[in-house]
Amino acid sequence: MKSNLFLEKANELVEGERNRDYGDKVINHTNIAKLWSAYTDTDIDAHDVAIMMALLKIARTKLGKVSEDSYIDMAAYCAIAGEIKSRKT
């Protein structure tokens, strides 16, 4: 698959299906950050969550069967991280 198709699919998920399923991505990642912060006794923010989720997907490419979905999800999480940062400024 060409790179633009990975990006298009990631955008479709982030702005479409995932948005309908989970709501606003910044609010969702902020909620996750609060839970992770409480669990780890560490200050984690929404941007950290998106980056760590991308890292999780990267780690999965090292083991087992690698699917196109892993790369689509990586692109989506990186885009979400960028949106979170841009909303902060």
N, C-alpha and C. Protein backbone atom coordinates (compact mmCIF):
# COMPACT_ATOMS: atom_id res chain seq x y z
N MET A 1 0.85 -1.17 0.00
CA MET A 1 0.00 0.00 0.00
C MET A 1 0.90 1.23 0.00
N LYS A 2 0.53 2.23 -0.76
CA LYS A 2 1.29 3.48 -0.82
C LYS A 2 1.04 4.31 0.44
N SER A 3 2.02 5.14 0.79
CA SER A 3 1.95 5.91 2.03
C SER A 3 0.70 6.78 2.13
N ASN A 4 0.29 7.37 1.02
CA ASN A 4 -0.90 8.22 1.08
C ASN A 4 -2.15 7.44 1.47
N LEU A 5 -2.20 6.16 1.12
CA LEU A 5 -3.35 5.34 1.48
C LEU A 5 -3.37 5.02 2.97
N PHE A 6 -2.18 4.81 3.57
CA PHE A 6 -2.11 4.64 5.02
C PHE A 6 -2.63 5.89 5.72
N LEU A 7 -2.19 7.04 5.24
CA LEU A 7 -2.60 8.30 5.85
C LEU A 7 -4.09 8.56 5.66
N GLU A 8 -4.60 8.26 4.47
CA GLU A 8 -6.03 8.45 4.22
C GLU A 8 -6.88 7.56 5.13
N LYS A 9 -6.46 6.32 5.29
CA LYS A 9 -7.21 5.39 6.15
C LYS A 9 -7.14 5.85 7.60
N ALA A 10 -5.96 6.30 8.05
CA ALA A 10 -5.82 6.80 9.41
C ALA A 10 -6.75 7.99 9.63
N ASN A 11 -6.82 8.89 8.66
CA ASN A 11 -7.69 10.05 8.76
C ASN A 11 -9.16 9.63 8.80
N GLU A 12 -9.53 8.68 7.98
CA GLU A 12 -10.91 8.18 7.99
C GLU A 12 -11.29 7.64 9.37
N LEU A 13 -10.38 6.90 9.98
CA LEU A 13 -10.66 6.34 11.31
C LEU A 13 -10.75 7.42 12.37
N VAL A 14 -9.78 8.33 12.38
CA VAL A 14 -9.71 9.36 13.42
C VAL A 14 -10.89 10.32 13.33
N GLU A 15 -11.24 10.70 12.14
CA GLU A 15 -12.31 11.69 11.96
C GLU A 15 -13.69 11.05 11.79
N GLY A 16 -13.72 9.76 11.56
CA GLY A 16 -14.99 9.08 11.31
C GLY A 16 -15.35 8.08 12.37
N GLU A 17 -15.01 6.82 12.09
CA GLU A 17 -15.43 5.70 12.94
C GLU A 17 -14.99 5.86 14.40
N ARG A 18 -13.73 6.17 14.64
CA ARG A 18 -13.24 6.29 16.02
C ARG A 18 -13.86 7.50 16.72
N ASN A 19 -14.07 8.56 15.97
CA ASN A 19 -14.70 9.75 16.55
C ASN A 19 -16.13 9.44 16.98
N ARG A 20 -16.85 8.68 16.16
CA ARG A 20 -18.21 8.28 16.53
C ARG A 20 -18.20 7.34 17.73
N ASP A 21 -17.23 6.42 17.76
CA ASP A 21 -17.17 5.42 18.84
C ASP A 21 -16.72 6.00 20.17
N TYR A 22 -15.72 6.89 20.14
CA TYR A 22 -15.07 7.33 21.38
C TYR A 22 -15.19 8.83 21.67
N GLY A 23 -15.76 9.59 20.75
CA GLY A 23 -15.91 11.02 20.97
C GLY A 23 -14.64 11.80 20.66
N ASP A 24 -14.62 13.03 21.13
CA ASP A 24 -13.50 13.93 20.86
C ASP A 24 -12.18 13.30 21.30
N LYS A 25 -11.22 13.28 20.38
CA LYS A 25 -9.96 12.59 20.64
C LYS A 25 -9.14 13.24 21.74
N VAL A 26 -9.20 14.55 21.86
CA VAL A 26 -8.43 15.23 22.92
C VAL A 26 -9.04 14.94 24.29
N ILE A 27 -10.36 14.98 24.37
CA ILE A 27 -11.03 14.66 25.64
C ILE A 27 -10.75 13.19 26.01
N ASN A 28 -10.85 12.30 25.04
CA ASN A 28 -10.60 10.89 25.28
C ASN A 28 -9.18 10.66 25.79
N HIS A 29 -8.19 11.27 25.13
CA HIS A 29 -6.80 11.08 25.55
C HIS A 29 -6.53 11.77 26.89
N THR A 30 -7.23 12.85 27.18
CA THR A 30 -7.10 13.49 28.49
C THR A 30 -7.64 12.58 29.59
N ASN A 31 -8.76 11.93 29.33
CA ASN A 31 -9.32 10.98 30.31
C ASN A 31 -8.37 9.81 30.55
N ILE A 32 -7.79 9.29 29.47
CA ILE A 32 -6.82 8.20 29.61
C ILE A 32 -5.62 8.68 30.43
N ALA A 33 -5.15 9.90 30.14
CA ALA A 33 -4.00 10.46 30.86
C ALA A 33 -4.28 10.56 32.36
N LYS A 34 -5.47 10.98 32.71
CA LYS A 34 -5.82 11.08 34.14
C LYS A 34 -5.77 9.71 34.81
N LEU A 35 -6.30 8.71 34.16
CA LEU A 35 -6.29 7.36 34.73
C LEU A 35 -4.87 6.81 34.83
N TRP A 36 -4.08 7.00 33.77
CA TRP A 36 -2.70 6.52 33.80
C TRP A 36 -1.89 7.27 34.85
N SER A 37 -2.14 8.55 34.98
CA SER A 37 -1.43 9.35 35.99
C SER A 37 -1.75 8.83 37.39
N ALA A 38 -3.01 8.57 37.66
CA ALA A 38 -3.41 8.07 38.97
C ALA A 38 -2.78 6.70 39.23
N TYR A 39 -2.78 5.86 38.22
CA TYR A 39 -2.26 4.51 38.38
C TYR A 39 -0.75 4.50 38.61
N THR A 40 -0.03 5.36 37.89
CA THR A 40 1.44 5.35 37.95
C THR A 40 2.02 6.37 38.93
N ASP A 41 1.17 7.19 39.54
CA ASP A 41 1.66 8.30 40.38
C ASP A 41 2.66 9.17 39.63
N THR A 42 2.39 9.38 38.35
CA THR A 42 3.23 10.19 37.47
C THR A 42 2.33 11.12 36.68
N ASP A 43 2.82 12.31 36.38
CA ASP A 43 2.03 13.26 35.60
C ASP A 43 2.13 12.91 34.11
N ILE A 44 1.03 12.43 33.56
CA ILE A 44 0.95 12.07 32.15
C ILE A 44 -0.13 12.95 31.53
N ASP A 45 0.16 13.50 30.36
CA ASP A 45 -0.86 14.32 29.70
C ASP A 45 -1.36 13.63 28.44
N ALA A 46 -2.34 14.24 27.81
CA ALA A 46 -2.98 13.65 26.63
C ALA A 46 -1.98 13.42 25.50
N HIS A 47 -1.03 14.34 25.33
CA HIS A 47 -0.01 14.18 24.30
C HIS A 47 0.84 12.94 24.58
N ASP A 48 1.22 12.76 25.85
CA ASP A 48 1.99 11.57 26.23
C ASP A 48 1.23 10.30 25.87
N VAL A 49 -0.07 10.28 26.12
CA VAL A 49 -0.89 9.10 25.82
C VAL A 49 -0.82 8.78 24.33
N ALA A 50 -1.01 9.76 23.48
CA ALA A 50 -0.98 9.52 22.03
C ALA A 50 0.40 9.01 21.59
N ILE A 51 1.46 9.60 22.12
CA ILE A 51 2.81 9.16 21.76
C ILE A 51 3.06 7.74 22.27
N MET A 52 2.64 7.45 23.50
CA MET A 52 2.86 6.11 24.04
C MET A 52 2.05 5.06 23.30
N MET A 53 0.86 5.43 22.83
CA MET A 53 0.07 4.48 22.04
C MET A 53 0.77 4.22 20.70
N ALA A 54 1.37 5.24 20.10
CA ALA A 54 2.14 5.04 18.87
C ALA A 54 3.33 4.12 19.16
N LEU A 55 3.98 4.33 20.30
CA LEU A 55 5.11 3.47 20.68
C LEU A 55 4.67 2.02 20.89
N LEU A 56 3.48 1.84 21.45
CA LEU A 56 2.94 0.49 21.61
C LEU A 56 2.80 -0.18 20.25
N LYS A 57 2.27 0.56 19.29
CA LYS A 57 2.11 0.01 17.94
C LYS A 57 3.47 -0.27 17.31
N ILE A 58 4.45 0.59 17.55
CA ILE A 58 5.80 0.37 17.03
C ILE A 58 6.39 -0.90 17.63
N ALA A 59 6.21 -1.08 18.95
CA ALA A 59 6.73 -2.27 19.61
C ALA A 59 6.11 -3.54 19.03
N ARG A 60 4.85 -3.48 18.68
CA ARG A 60 4.18 -4.66 18.12
C ARG A 60 4.74 -5.07 16.77
N THR A 61 5.36 -4.12 16.05
CA THR A 61 5.93 -4.47 14.75
C THR A 61 7.17 -5.35 14.90
N LYS A 62 7.73 -5.40 16.10
CA LYS A 62 8.93 -6.21 16.33
C LYS A 62 8.61 -7.68 16.55
N LEU A 63 7.38 -7.98 16.91
CA LEU A 63 7.00 -9.36 17.24
C LEU A 63 5.76 -9.77 16.48
N GLY A 64 5.68 -11.02 16.17
CA GLY A 64 4.47 -11.54 15.57
C GLY A 64 4.18 -11.02 14.19
N LYS A 65 2.95 -11.25 13.78
CA LYS A 65 2.50 -10.84 12.44
C LYS A 65 2.25 -9.34 12.43
N VAL A 66 2.84 -8.66 11.49
CA VAL A 66 2.65 -7.21 11.34
C VAL A 66 1.57 -6.98 10.29
N SER A 67 0.57 -6.19 10.66
CA SER A 67 -0.52 -5.92 9.72
C SER A 67 -0.49 -4.45 9.30
N GLU A 68 -1.18 -4.19 8.21
CA GLU A 68 -1.32 -2.81 7.75
C GLU A 68 -1.96 -1.95 8.83
N ASP A 69 -2.86 -2.53 9.60
CA ASP A 69 -3.55 -1.79 10.66
C ASP A 69 -2.58 -1.18 11.66
N SER A 70 -1.48 -1.88 11.95
CA SER A 70 -0.50 -1.33 12.89
C SER A 70 0.06 -0.01 12.38
N TYR A 71 0.37 0.05 11.10
CA TYR A 71 0.94 1.27 10.52
C TYR A 71 -0.12 2.37 10.41
N ILE A 72 -1.33 1.99 10.12
CA ILE A 72 -2.43 2.96 10.08
C ILE A 72 -2.64 3.54 11.47
N ASP A 73 -2.66 2.69 12.48
CA ASP A 73 -2.84 3.17 13.86
C ASP A 73 -1.69 4.06 14.30
N MET A 74 -0.45 3.71 13.93
CA MET A 74 0.70 4.56 14.26
C MET A 74 0.51 5.96 13.68
N ALA A 75 0.13 6.01 12.42
CA ALA A 75 -0.09 7.31 11.76
C ALA A 75 -1.19 8.08 12.47
N ALA A 76 -2.25 7.38 12.84
CA ALA A 76 -3.38 8.04 13.51
C ALA A 76 -2.96 8.59 14.86
N TYR A 77 -2.23 7.82 15.66
CA TYR A 77 -1.81 8.30 16.98
C TYR A 77 -0.85 9.48 16.86
N CYS A 78 0.04 9.46 15.88
CA CYS A 78 0.94 10.59 15.69
C CYS A 78 0.17 11.84 15.27
N ALA A 79 -0.84 11.67 14.43
CA ALA A 79 -1.68 12.81 14.03
C ALA A 79 -2.45 13.35 15.23
N ILE A 80 -2.96 12.46 16.06
CA ILE A 80 -3.67 12.89 17.27
C ILE A 80 -2.73 13.65 18.19
N ALA A 81 -1.50 13.16 18.36
CA ALA A 81 -0.51 13.86 19.19
C ALA A 81 -0.28 15.27 18.65
N GLY A 82 -0.17 15.40 17.35
CA GLY A 82 0.02 16.71 16.74
C GLY A 82 -1.17 17.63 16.98
N GLU A 83 -2.38 17.09 16.86
CA GLU A 83 -3.57 17.91 17.12
C GLU A 83 -3.63 18.34 18.58
N ILE A 84 -3.31 17.44 19.47
CA ILE A 84 -3.33 17.78 20.90
C ILE A 84 -2.37 18.94 21.17
N LYS A 85 -1.15 18.83 20.63
CA LYS A 85 -0.15 19.90 20.82
C LYS A 85 -0.65 21.21 20.22
N SER A 86 -1.24 21.14 19.04
CA SER A 86 -1.67 22.38 18.38
C SER A 86 -2.84 23.03 19.10
N ARG A 87 -3.68 22.24 19.75
CA ARG A 87 -4.80 22.81 20.52
C ARG A 87 -4.30 23.48 21.79
N LYS A 88 -3.15 23.05 22.30
CA LYS A 88 -2.59 23.63 23.52
C LYS A 88 -2.01 25.01 23.30
N THR A 89 -1.56 25.28 22.07
CA THR A 89 -0.87 26.55 21.81
C THR A 89 -1.79 27.58 21.23
